[in-house]
């Protein structure tokens, strides 16, 4: 991993000061636009970045680009990664490895049969962290910080149950469950 924790810490602390003293507005309003390319393919513009979306062939697409759910999970894991590294920088606990996985559970019944609302039934996330001197309480604190500070994770926490797995230095540490609207994860004994 190539992370300059000193620069990261300096930037995070500066942003925290600017938000606290009012020189940086605390409300952000990201915006994207989409244009149809062909069929279910879309081209999304997010500021200076442009990317495409598609659907699976059996869903009417061409399967040439990631699906919307792929981007949603990618947004989640990238936001989680940023807050894991920010936590590490602010706490002087550099990570030597970090891998995050996210999996959504949803039913096609909601999309195609209308029997239930479309959307996620459950979200599953996994953090694999390694670092010299990282304790079990550090890993839990990091995941708790991510759950509160990552805007994508915090939004999901309000909407859907999240099953979370923590692995520290290659060893299983905890399985936790975040219930919508609850501010703390509980132990999850489910296999």
N, C-alpha and C. Protein backbone atom coordinates (compact mmCIF):
# COMPACT_ATOMS: atom_id res chain seq x y z
N UNK A 1 0.86 -1.19 0.00
CA UNK A 1 0.00 0.00 0.00
C UNK A 1 0.89 1.24 0.00
N UNK A 2 0.51 2.17 -0.81
CA UNK A 2 1.27 3.41 -0.90
C UNK A 2 0.42 4.55 -0.34
N UNK A 3 0.60 4.87 0.93
CA UNK A 3 -0.17 5.93 1.58
C UNK A 3 0.79 6.83 2.34
N UNK A 4 0.75 8.12 2.07
CA UNK A 4 1.54 9.08 2.85
C UNK A 4 0.64 9.56 3.99
N UNK A 5 0.78 8.92 5.14
CA UNK A 5 -0.11 9.20 6.27
C UNK A 5 0.08 10.61 6.82
N UNK A 6 1.28 11.18 6.71
CA UNK A 6 1.49 12.54 7.21
C UNK A 6 0.70 13.56 6.38
N UNK A 7 0.78 13.42 5.07
CA UNK A 7 0.03 14.34 4.21
C UNK A 7 -1.47 14.14 4.42
N UNK A 8 -1.91 12.88 4.49
CA UNK A 8 -3.32 12.59 4.70
C UNK A 8 -3.81 13.20 6.02
N UNK A 9 -3.05 13.01 7.07
CA UNK A 9 -3.42 13.58 8.37
C UNK A 9 -3.52 15.10 8.30
N UNK A 10 -2.55 15.74 7.65
CA UNK A 10 -2.56 17.20 7.54
C UNK A 10 -3.81 17.69 6.79
N UNK A 11 -4.15 17.03 5.70
CA UNK A 11 -5.33 17.44 4.92
C UNK A 11 -6.62 17.23 5.71
N UNK A 12 -6.73 16.09 6.40
CA UNK A 12 -7.94 15.82 7.17
C UNK A 12 -8.07 16.83 8.31
N UNK A 13 -6.98 17.08 9.02
CA UNK A 13 -7.04 18.05 10.13
C UNK A 13 -7.38 19.44 9.63
N UNK A 14 -6.84 19.83 8.47
CA UNK A 14 -7.14 21.15 7.89
C UNK A 14 -8.63 21.24 7.53
N UNK A 15 -9.15 20.21 6.91
CA UNK A 15 -10.57 20.22 6.55
C UNK A 15 -11.45 20.27 7.80
N UNK A 16 -11.07 19.52 8.83
CA UNK A 16 -11.83 19.54 10.08
C UNK A 16 -11.85 20.95 10.68
N UNK A 17 -10.69 21.62 10.68
CA UNK A 17 -10.62 23.00 11.20
C UNK A 17 -11.50 23.93 10.37
N UNK A 18 -11.42 23.82 9.04
CA UNK A 18 -12.18 24.71 8.16
C UNK A 18 -13.68 24.51 8.31
N UNK A 19 -14.12 23.28 8.48
CA UNK A 19 -15.55 23.04 8.69
C UNK A 19 -15.96 23.58 10.06
N UNK A 20 -15.13 23.33 11.07
CA UNK A 20 -15.44 23.79 12.44
C UNK A 20 -15.49 25.31 12.54
N UNK A 21 -14.58 26.01 11.84
CA UNK A 21 -14.57 27.48 11.97
C UNK A 21 -15.43 28.19 10.93
N UNK A 22 -16.10 27.42 10.07
CA UNK A 22 -17.03 27.99 9.11
C UNK A 22 -16.42 28.47 7.81
N UNK A 23 -15.11 28.29 7.62
CA UNK A 23 -14.51 28.74 6.36
C UNK A 23 -14.78 27.76 5.22
N UNK A 24 -15.20 26.54 5.56
CA UNK A 24 -15.60 25.56 4.54
C UNK A 24 -17.03 25.16 4.88
N UNK A 25 -17.92 25.33 3.92
CA UNK A 25 -19.34 25.03 4.17
C UNK A 25 -19.50 23.54 4.45
N UNK A 26 -20.25 23.18 5.50
CA UNK A 26 -20.38 21.77 5.87
C UNK A 26 -21.29 20.95 4.97
N UNK A 27 -22.15 21.60 4.20
CA UNK A 27 -23.08 20.87 3.33
C UNK A 27 -22.50 20.76 1.93
N UNK A 28 -22.52 19.53 1.40
CA UNK A 28 -22.02 19.30 0.05
C UNK A 28 -23.18 18.80 -0.80
N UNK A 29 -23.15 19.11 -2.07
CA UNK A 29 -24.24 18.70 -2.96
C UNK A 29 -23.68 18.14 -4.28
N UNK A 30 -23.12 16.93 -4.23
CA UNK A 30 -22.64 16.32 -5.47
C UNK A 30 -23.80 16.14 -6.46
N UNK A 31 -23.48 16.21 -7.72
CA UNK A 31 -24.51 16.10 -8.75
C UNK A 31 -23.93 15.35 -9.95
N UNK A 32 -24.74 14.49 -10.53
CA UNK A 32 -24.36 13.80 -11.76
C UNK A 32 -25.47 13.98 -12.78
N UNK A 33 -25.13 13.78 -14.03
CA UNK A 33 -26.15 13.77 -15.08
C UNK A 33 -25.92 12.54 -15.93
N UNK A 34 -26.98 12.05 -16.56
CA UNK A 34 -26.90 10.85 -17.38
C UNK A 34 -27.55 11.12 -18.72
N UNK A 35 -26.92 10.58 -19.76
CA UNK A 35 -27.55 10.59 -21.09
C UNK A 35 -27.57 9.16 -21.58
N UNK A 36 -28.62 8.81 -22.29
CA UNK A 36 -28.75 7.45 -22.84
C UNK A 36 -27.81 7.32 -24.02
N UNK A 37 -27.02 6.25 -24.04
CA UNK A 37 -26.09 5.98 -25.13
C UNK A 37 -26.76 5.07 -26.15
N UNK A 38 -27.19 3.90 -25.69
CA UNK A 38 -27.98 2.98 -26.51
C UNK A 38 -28.63 1.98 -25.57
N UNK A 39 -29.87 1.68 -25.83
CA UNK A 39 -30.59 0.75 -24.97
C UNK A 39 -30.51 1.17 -23.52
N UNK A 40 -30.08 0.25 -22.66
CA UNK A 40 -29.98 0.55 -21.24
C UNK A 40 -28.63 1.12 -20.84
N UNK A 41 -27.75 1.33 -21.80
CA UNK A 41 -26.46 1.93 -21.49
C UNK A 41 -26.63 3.43 -21.28
N UNK A 42 -25.96 3.91 -20.25
CA UNK A 42 -25.98 5.33 -19.99
C UNK A 42 -24.57 5.86 -19.82
N UNK A 43 -24.42 7.14 -20.07
CA UNK A 43 -23.14 7.80 -19.84
C UNK A 43 -23.37 8.83 -18.74
N UNK A 44 -22.65 8.65 -17.65
CA UNK A 44 -22.80 9.50 -16.48
C UNK A 44 -21.66 10.51 -16.47
N UNK A 45 -22.01 11.77 -16.23
CA UNK A 45 -21.01 12.81 -16.07
C UNK A 45 -21.07 13.29 -14.62
N UNK A 46 -19.92 13.22 -13.96
CA UNK A 46 -19.78 13.67 -12.57
C UNK A 46 -18.63 14.66 -12.55
N UNK A 47 -18.96 15.94 -12.68
CA UNK A 47 -17.91 16.96 -12.77
C UNK A 47 -17.09 16.72 -14.02
N UNK A 48 -15.79 16.55 -13.86
CA UNK A 48 -14.92 16.34 -15.03
C UNK A 48 -14.79 14.87 -15.42
N UNK A 49 -15.47 13.98 -14.68
CA UNK A 49 -15.36 12.54 -14.95
C UNK A 49 -16.58 12.02 -15.69
N UNK A 50 -16.32 11.09 -16.61
CA UNK A 50 -17.39 10.49 -17.40
C UNK A 50 -17.20 8.97 -17.35
N UNK A 51 -18.29 8.26 -17.08
CA UNK A 51 -18.24 6.80 -17.08
C UNK A 51 -19.58 6.26 -17.58
N UNK A 52 -19.57 4.99 -17.94
CA UNK A 52 -20.77 4.38 -18.51
C UNK A 52 -21.34 3.31 -17.60
N UNK A 53 -22.64 3.10 -17.73
CA UNK A 53 -23.36 2.07 -17.01
C UNK A 53 -24.06 1.17 -18.03
N UNK A 54 -24.42 -0.02 -17.57
CA UNK A 54 -25.12 -0.95 -18.45
C UNK A 54 -25.90 -1.93 -17.58
N UNK A 55 -26.59 -2.82 -18.20
CA UNK A 55 -27.31 -3.89 -17.52
C UNK A 55 -26.84 -5.22 -18.08
N UNK A 56 -27.11 -6.28 -17.34
CA UNK A 56 -26.79 -7.62 -17.82
C UNK A 56 -27.62 -7.93 -19.06
N UNK A 57 -27.15 -8.84 -19.87
CA UNK A 57 -27.86 -9.21 -21.10
C UNK A 57 -29.27 -9.71 -20.77
N UNK A 58 -29.40 -10.57 -19.74
CA UNK A 58 -30.72 -11.10 -19.42
C UNK A 58 -31.65 -10.05 -18.80
N UNK A 59 -31.11 -8.87 -18.53
CA UNK A 59 -31.93 -7.77 -18.02
C UNK A 59 -32.16 -6.72 -19.11
N UNK A 60 -31.75 -7.03 -20.34
CA UNK A 60 -32.01 -6.13 -21.46
C UNK A 60 -30.83 -5.26 -21.86
N UNK A 61 -29.68 -5.45 -21.21
CA UNK A 61 -28.52 -4.63 -21.53
C UNK A 61 -27.54 -5.35 -22.44
N UNK A 62 -26.35 -4.76 -22.55
CA UNK A 62 -25.29 -5.33 -23.38
C UNK A 62 -24.16 -5.91 -22.54
N UNK A 63 -24.16 -5.70 -21.24
CA UNK A 63 -23.13 -6.18 -20.31
C UNK A 63 -21.74 -5.71 -20.70
N UNK A 64 -21.65 -4.48 -21.19
CA UNK A 64 -20.36 -3.92 -21.60
C UNK A 64 -19.75 -3.01 -20.54
N UNK A 65 -20.52 -2.65 -19.53
CA UNK A 65 -20.06 -1.74 -18.48
C UNK A 65 -20.65 -2.21 -17.15
N UNK A 66 -20.12 -1.74 -16.04
CA UNK A 66 -20.70 -2.13 -14.75
C UNK A 66 -22.16 -1.73 -14.64
N UNK A 67 -22.88 -2.49 -13.82
CA UNK A 67 -24.28 -2.22 -13.57
C UNK A 67 -24.41 -1.16 -12.46
N UNK A 68 -25.56 -0.53 -12.34
CA UNK A 68 -25.72 0.48 -11.29
C UNK A 68 -25.38 -0.04 -9.90
N UNK A 69 -25.76 -1.28 -9.56
CA UNK A 69 -25.44 -1.81 -8.24
C UNK A 69 -23.94 -1.96 -8.05
N UNK A 70 -23.21 -2.27 -9.13
CA UNK A 70 -21.75 -2.35 -9.05
C UNK A 70 -21.16 -1.00 -8.66
N UNK A 71 -21.69 0.06 -9.28
CA UNK A 71 -21.21 1.40 -8.95
C UNK A 71 -21.58 1.78 -7.52
N UNK A 72 -22.77 1.39 -7.10
CA UNK A 72 -23.20 1.69 -5.74
C UNK A 72 -22.27 1.02 -4.73
N UNK A 73 -21.96 -0.26 -4.95
CA UNK A 73 -21.05 -0.97 -4.05
C UNK A 73 -19.64 -0.41 -4.16
N UNK A 74 -19.24 -0.02 -5.35
CA UNK A 74 -17.93 0.62 -5.52
C UNK A 74 -17.85 1.95 -4.78
N UNK A 75 -18.94 2.71 -4.82
CA UNK A 75 -18.97 3.98 -4.08
C UNK A 75 -18.84 3.71 -2.58
N UNK A 76 -19.52 2.69 -2.11
CA UNK A 76 -19.45 2.33 -0.69
C UNK A 76 -18.03 1.93 -0.30
N UNK A 77 -17.43 0.98 -1.01
CA UNK A 77 -16.12 0.49 -0.61
C UNK A 77 -15.04 1.57 -0.75
N UNK A 78 -15.16 2.42 -1.76
CA UNK A 78 -14.15 3.48 -1.89
C UNK A 78 -14.29 4.51 -0.77
N UNK A 79 -15.51 4.81 -0.36
CA UNK A 79 -15.72 5.73 0.77
C UNK A 79 -15.23 5.09 2.07
N UNK A 80 -15.50 3.80 2.25
CA UNK A 80 -15.01 3.09 3.43
C UNK A 80 -13.48 3.12 3.47
N UNK A 81 -12.85 2.86 2.33
CA UNK A 81 -11.39 2.87 2.24
C UNK A 81 -10.84 4.24 2.66
N UNK A 82 -11.46 5.29 2.20
CA UNK A 82 -10.99 6.63 2.54
C UNK A 82 -11.07 6.88 4.04
N UNK A 83 -12.17 6.44 4.66
CA UNK A 83 -12.30 6.68 6.10
C UNK A 83 -11.47 5.72 6.93
N UNK A 84 -11.17 4.52 6.45
CA UNK A 84 -10.22 3.65 7.15
C UNK A 84 -8.85 4.31 7.18
N UNK A 85 -8.42 4.82 6.03
CA UNK A 85 -7.09 5.45 5.96
C UNK A 85 -7.05 6.77 6.72
N UNK A 86 -8.14 7.52 6.71
CA UNK A 86 -8.19 8.75 7.52
C UNK A 86 -8.11 8.41 9.01
N UNK A 87 -8.84 7.38 9.43
CA UNK A 87 -8.77 6.95 10.82
C UNK A 87 -7.34 6.57 11.17
N UNK A 88 -6.69 5.79 10.31
CA UNK A 88 -5.32 5.36 10.55
C UNK A 88 -4.38 6.56 10.67
N UNK A 89 -4.54 7.54 9.79
CA UNK A 89 -3.69 8.73 9.83
C UNK A 89 -3.92 9.54 11.10
N UNK A 90 -5.17 9.75 11.46
CA UNK A 90 -5.49 10.57 12.64
C UNK A 90 -5.10 9.89 13.95
N UNK A 91 -5.03 8.57 13.95
CA UNK A 91 -4.72 7.83 15.17
C UNK A 91 -3.30 7.30 15.22
N UNK A 92 -2.49 7.64 14.21
CA UNK A 92 -1.11 7.18 14.18
C UNK A 92 -0.98 5.67 14.13
N UNK A 93 -1.89 5.02 13.41
CA UNK A 93 -1.90 3.56 13.31
C UNK A 93 -1.89 3.17 11.82
N UNK A 94 -0.76 3.31 11.15
CA UNK A 94 -0.72 2.99 9.72
C UNK A 94 -1.10 1.54 9.43
N UNK A 95 -1.81 1.37 8.35
CA UNK A 95 -2.22 0.03 7.91
C UNK A 95 -1.22 -0.45 6.87
N UNK A 96 -0.83 -1.71 6.97
CA UNK A 96 0.06 -2.27 5.95
C UNK A 96 -0.75 -2.90 4.82
N UNK A 97 -1.96 -3.34 5.14
CA UNK A 97 -2.87 -3.89 4.13
C UNK A 97 -4.30 -3.51 4.49
N UNK A 98 -5.10 -3.30 3.47
CA UNK A 98 -6.52 -3.02 3.65
C UNK A 98 -7.26 -3.56 2.44
N UNK A 99 -8.24 -4.42 2.69
CA UNK A 99 -9.10 -4.93 1.62
C UNK A 99 -10.54 -4.86 2.14
N UNK A 100 -11.41 -4.34 1.32
CA UNK A 100 -12.81 -4.18 1.70
C UNK A 100 -13.67 -4.82 0.62
N UNK A 101 -14.64 -5.60 1.04
CA UNK A 101 -15.59 -6.19 0.11
C UNK A 101 -16.99 -5.79 0.51
N UNK A 102 -17.86 -5.64 -0.47
CA UNK A 102 -19.27 -5.35 -0.21
C UNK A 102 -20.11 -6.21 -1.15
N UNK A 103 -21.20 -6.70 -0.62
CA UNK A 103 -22.11 -7.55 -1.39
C UNK A 103 -23.54 -7.12 -1.04
N UNK A 104 -24.35 -6.93 -2.05
CA UNK A 104 -25.75 -6.59 -1.81
C UNK A 104 -26.61 -7.82 -2.01
N UNK A 105 -27.65 -7.91 -1.21
CA UNK A 105 -28.64 -8.96 -1.36
C UNK A 105 -29.94 -8.26 -1.74
N UNK A 106 -30.45 -8.57 -2.92
CA UNK A 106 -31.72 -8.00 -3.35
C UNK A 106 -32.45 -9.00 -4.22
N UNK A 107 -33.74 -8.79 -4.39
CA UNK A 107 -34.57 -9.74 -5.11
C UNK A 107 -35.01 -9.18 -6.46
N UNK A 108 -34.94 -10.02 -7.47
CA UNK A 108 -35.45 -9.62 -8.77
C UNK A 108 -36.96 -9.50 -8.76
N UNK A 109 -37.61 -10.07 -7.73
CA UNK A 109 -39.07 -9.95 -7.65
C UNK A 109 -39.49 -8.49 -7.61
N UNK A 110 -38.75 -7.69 -6.87
CA UNK A 110 -39.07 -6.27 -6.78
C UNK A 110 -38.88 -5.54 -8.08
N UNK A 111 -37.86 -5.95 -8.82
CA UNK A 111 -37.59 -5.29 -10.10
C UNK A 111 -38.55 -5.73 -11.19
N UNK A 112 -38.85 -7.02 -11.24
CA UNK A 112 -39.58 -7.53 -12.39
C UNK A 112 -41.00 -7.99 -12.12
N UNK A 113 -41.31 -8.36 -10.89
CA UNK A 113 -42.65 -8.85 -10.61
C UNK A 113 -43.47 -7.88 -9.77
N UNK A 114 -42.80 -6.92 -9.15
CA UNK A 114 -43.51 -5.92 -8.36
C UNK A 114 -44.14 -6.47 -7.10
N UNK A 115 -43.73 -7.68 -6.68
CA UNK A 115 -44.33 -8.29 -5.49
C UNK A 115 -43.84 -7.64 -4.20
N UNK A 116 -42.65 -7.10 -4.24
CA UNK A 116 -42.07 -6.41 -3.10
C UNK A 116 -41.39 -5.16 -3.63
N UNK A 117 -41.04 -4.24 -2.75
CA UNK A 117 -40.29 -3.08 -3.20
C UNK A 117 -38.93 -3.52 -3.72
N UNK A 118 -38.50 -2.90 -4.80
CA UNK A 118 -37.15 -3.16 -5.29
C UNK A 118 -36.16 -2.56 -4.31
N UNK A 119 -35.01 -3.14 -4.21
CA UNK A 119 -33.98 -2.60 -3.34
C UNK A 119 -33.30 -3.68 -2.54
N UNK A 120 -32.30 -3.27 -1.81
CA UNK A 120 -31.53 -4.21 -1.01
C UNK A 120 -32.35 -4.73 0.16
N UNK A 121 -32.15 -6.00 0.43
CA UNK A 121 -32.71 -6.65 1.61
C UNK A 121 -31.66 -6.63 2.72
N UNK A 122 -30.39 -6.75 2.30
CA UNK A 122 -29.29 -6.79 3.24
C UNK A 122 -28.02 -6.37 2.51
N UNK A 123 -27.11 -5.77 3.25
CA UNK A 123 -25.80 -5.42 2.74
C UNK A 123 -24.78 -6.17 3.59
N UNK A 124 -23.75 -6.71 2.94
CA UNK A 124 -22.70 -7.42 3.65
C UNK A 124 -21.37 -6.75 3.34
N UNK A 125 -20.63 -6.41 4.38
CA UNK A 125 -19.33 -5.78 4.19
C UNK A 125 -18.28 -6.54 4.98
N UNK A 126 -17.07 -6.49 4.47
CA UNK A 126 -15.96 -7.17 5.13
C UNK A 126 -14.74 -6.27 5.07
N UNK A 127 -14.10 -6.09 6.23
CA UNK A 127 -12.84 -5.35 6.32
C UNK A 127 -11.73 -6.34 6.65
N UNK A 128 -10.68 -6.34 5.86
CA UNK A 128 -9.48 -7.12 6.16
C UNK A 128 -8.37 -6.11 6.36
N UNK A 129 -7.93 -5.95 7.61
CA UNK A 129 -6.91 -4.95 7.91
C UNK A 129 -5.69 -5.62 8.52
N UNK A 130 -4.55 -5.06 8.18
CA UNK A 130 -3.30 -5.52 8.76
C UNK A 130 -2.49 -4.29 9.12
N UNK A 131 -1.78 -4.41 10.21
CA UNK A 131 -0.92 -3.33 10.64
C UNK A 131 -0.22 -3.70 11.93
N UNK A 132 1.03 -3.30 12.02
CA UNK A 132 1.80 -3.61 13.21
C UNK A 132 1.23 -2.83 14.39
N UNK A 133 0.96 -3.53 15.48
CA UNK A 133 0.47 -2.88 16.68
C UNK A 133 -1.02 -2.60 16.70
N UNK A 134 -1.75 -3.01 15.65
CA UNK A 134 -3.20 -2.81 15.64
C UNK A 134 -3.85 -3.81 16.60
N UNK A 135 -4.70 -3.31 17.48
CA UNK A 135 -5.38 -4.17 18.43
C UNK A 135 -6.81 -4.45 17.97
N UNK A 136 -7.46 -5.37 18.64
CA UNK A 136 -8.86 -5.66 18.34
C UNK A 136 -9.72 -4.41 18.53
N UNK A 137 -9.46 -3.67 19.59
CA UNK A 137 -10.26 -2.46 19.83
C UNK A 137 -9.99 -1.41 18.75
N UNK A 138 -8.75 -1.36 18.22
CA UNK A 138 -8.46 -0.44 17.11
C UNK A 138 -9.30 -0.79 15.89
N UNK A 139 -9.36 -2.07 15.54
CA UNK A 139 -10.12 -2.49 14.36
C UNK A 139 -11.60 -2.16 14.52
N UNK A 140 -12.14 -2.40 15.70
CA UNK A 140 -13.54 -2.07 15.96
C UNK A 140 -13.77 -0.56 15.90
N UNK A 141 -12.86 0.20 16.50
CA UNK A 141 -12.99 1.66 16.48
C UNK A 141 -12.94 2.20 15.05
N UNK A 142 -12.04 1.63 14.25
CA UNK A 142 -11.93 2.04 12.86
C UNK A 142 -13.26 1.78 12.13
N UNK A 143 -13.81 0.58 12.28
CA UNK A 143 -15.07 0.24 11.61
C UNK A 143 -16.21 1.12 12.12
N UNK A 144 -16.23 1.42 13.41
CA UNK A 144 -17.27 2.31 13.96
C UNK A 144 -17.14 3.72 13.38
N UNK A 145 -15.90 4.18 13.24
CA UNK A 145 -15.66 5.51 12.65
C UNK A 145 -16.15 5.54 11.21
N UNK A 146 -15.83 4.50 10.47
CA UNK A 146 -16.28 4.42 9.07
C UNK A 146 -17.81 4.44 9.02
N UNK A 147 -18.47 3.70 9.90
CA UNK A 147 -19.94 3.63 9.89
C UNK A 147 -20.56 5.00 10.15
N UNK A 148 -19.91 5.83 10.94
CA UNK A 148 -20.44 7.16 11.25
C UNK A 148 -20.04 8.21 10.24
N UNK A 149 -18.80 8.14 9.75
CA UNK A 149 -18.26 9.25 8.96
C UNK A 149 -18.32 9.07 7.46
N UNK A 150 -18.31 7.85 6.98
CA UNK A 150 -18.43 7.61 5.54
C UNK A 150 -19.88 7.91 5.15
N UNK A 151 -20.11 8.94 4.34
CA UNK A 151 -21.50 9.30 4.00
C UNK A 151 -22.28 8.17 3.33
N UNK A 152 -21.61 7.36 2.55
CA UNK A 152 -22.30 6.26 1.86
C UNK A 152 -22.71 5.20 2.89
N UNK A 153 -21.79 4.81 3.74
CA UNK A 153 -22.09 3.80 4.78
C UNK A 153 -23.16 4.32 5.73
N UNK A 154 -23.05 5.58 6.14
CA UNK A 154 -24.04 6.15 7.06
C UNK A 154 -25.43 6.17 6.43
N UNK A 155 -25.50 6.40 5.13
CA UNK A 155 -26.79 6.39 4.44
C UNK A 155 -27.36 4.97 4.42
N UNK A 156 -26.53 4.00 4.09
CA UNK A 156 -26.98 2.60 4.11
C UNK A 156 -27.42 2.18 5.51
N UNK A 157 -26.71 2.64 6.54
CA UNK A 157 -27.06 2.26 7.92
C UNK A 157 -28.49 2.69 8.28
N UNK A 158 -28.98 3.72 7.65
CA UNK A 158 -30.35 4.17 7.91
C UNK A 158 -31.38 3.34 7.16
N UNK A 159 -30.94 2.59 6.16
CA UNK A 159 -31.88 1.98 5.22
C UNK A 159 -31.97 0.46 5.24
N UNK A 160 -30.90 -0.22 5.56
CA UNK A 160 -30.87 -1.67 5.35
C UNK A 160 -29.98 -2.33 6.41
N UNK A 161 -30.31 -3.54 6.84
CA UNK A 161 -29.42 -4.25 7.76
C UNK A 161 -28.06 -4.49 7.08
N UNK A 162 -26.99 -4.30 7.85
CA UNK A 162 -25.64 -4.50 7.34
C UNK A 162 -24.93 -5.53 8.20
N UNK A 163 -24.53 -6.61 7.57
CA UNK A 163 -23.73 -7.63 8.25
C UNK A 163 -22.26 -7.31 7.97
N UNK A 164 -21.51 -7.14 9.03
CA UNK A 164 -20.14 -6.68 8.92
C UNK A 164 -19.19 -7.73 9.51
N UNK A 165 -18.13 -8.02 8.74
CA UNK A 165 -17.09 -8.95 9.19
C UNK A 165 -15.79 -8.18 9.31
N UNK A 166 -15.09 -8.38 10.44
CA UNK A 166 -13.79 -7.76 10.64
C UNK A 166 -12.73 -8.85 10.74
N UNK A 167 -11.68 -8.70 9.96
CA UNK A 167 -10.54 -9.60 10.04
C UNK A 167 -9.32 -8.74 10.34
N UNK A 168 -8.55 -9.15 11.33
CA UNK A 168 -7.37 -8.41 11.74
C UNK A 168 -6.14 -9.29 11.60
N UNK A 169 -5.17 -8.81 10.81
CA UNK A 169 -3.93 -9.55 10.59
C UNK A 169 -4.20 -11.00 10.19
N UNK A 170 -5.18 -11.18 9.29
CA UNK A 170 -5.49 -12.49 8.74
C UNK A 170 -6.38 -13.37 9.60
N UNK A 171 -6.77 -12.90 10.77
CA UNK A 171 -7.59 -13.70 11.69
C UNK A 171 -8.98 -13.09 11.83
N UNK A 172 -10.03 -13.92 11.82
CA UNK A 172 -11.37 -13.40 12.08
C UNK A 172 -11.43 -12.74 13.45
N UNK A 173 -12.01 -11.55 13.50
CA UNK A 173 -12.08 -10.80 14.75
C UNK A 173 -13.52 -10.70 15.24
N UNK A 174 -14.44 -10.29 14.35
CA UNK A 174 -15.81 -10.08 14.80
C UNK A 174 -16.76 -10.15 13.62
N UNK A 175 -17.97 -10.55 13.91
CA UNK A 175 -19.10 -10.43 13.00
C UNK A 175 -20.12 -9.58 13.72
N UNK A 176 -20.53 -8.50 13.05
CA UNK A 176 -21.45 -7.58 13.70
C UNK A 176 -22.63 -7.30 12.78
N UNK A 177 -23.70 -6.80 13.38
CA UNK A 177 -24.91 -6.46 12.63
C UNK A 177 -25.30 -5.03 12.96
N UNK A 178 -25.45 -4.24 11.91
CA UNK A 178 -25.97 -2.88 12.03
C UNK A 178 -27.43 -2.94 11.60
N UNK A 179 -28.33 -2.59 12.48
CA UNK A 179 -29.76 -2.51 12.13
C UNK A 179 -30.09 -1.08 11.74
N UNK A 180 -30.99 -0.88 10.78
CA UNK A 180 -31.34 0.48 10.37
C UNK A 180 -31.76 1.34 11.57
N UNK A 181 -31.19 2.53 11.62
CA UNK A 181 -31.56 3.48 12.65
C UNK A 181 -30.90 3.27 14.00
N UNK A 182 -30.13 2.19 14.17
CA UNK A 182 -29.46 1.91 15.44
C UNK A 182 -28.04 2.47 15.36
N UNK A 183 -27.57 3.10 16.44
CA UNK A 183 -26.28 3.79 16.38
C UNK A 183 -25.08 2.91 16.68
N UNK A 184 -25.30 1.69 17.11
CA UNK A 184 -24.19 0.78 17.40
C UNK A 184 -24.47 -0.59 16.78
N UNK A 185 -23.39 -1.24 16.38
CA UNK A 185 -23.50 -2.59 15.87
C UNK A 185 -23.63 -3.56 17.04
N UNK A 186 -24.34 -4.64 16.80
CA UNK A 186 -24.43 -5.70 17.80
C UNK A 186 -23.66 -6.92 17.28
N UNK A 187 -23.27 -7.80 18.19
CA UNK A 187 -22.61 -9.03 17.76
C UNK A 187 -23.57 -9.85 16.93
N UNK A 188 -23.06 -10.45 15.88
CA UNK A 188 -23.87 -11.25 14.97
C UNK A 188 -23.37 -12.69 15.05
N UNK A 189 -24.15 -13.55 15.62
CA UNK A 189 -23.75 -14.95 15.81
C UNK A 189 -24.07 -15.83 14.60
N UNK A 190 -24.71 -15.25 13.61
CA UNK A 190 -25.09 -16.03 12.43
C UNK A 190 -23.84 -16.50 11.68
N UNK A 191 -23.80 -17.75 11.24
CA UNK A 191 -22.61 -18.24 10.53
C UNK A 191 -22.43 -17.57 9.18
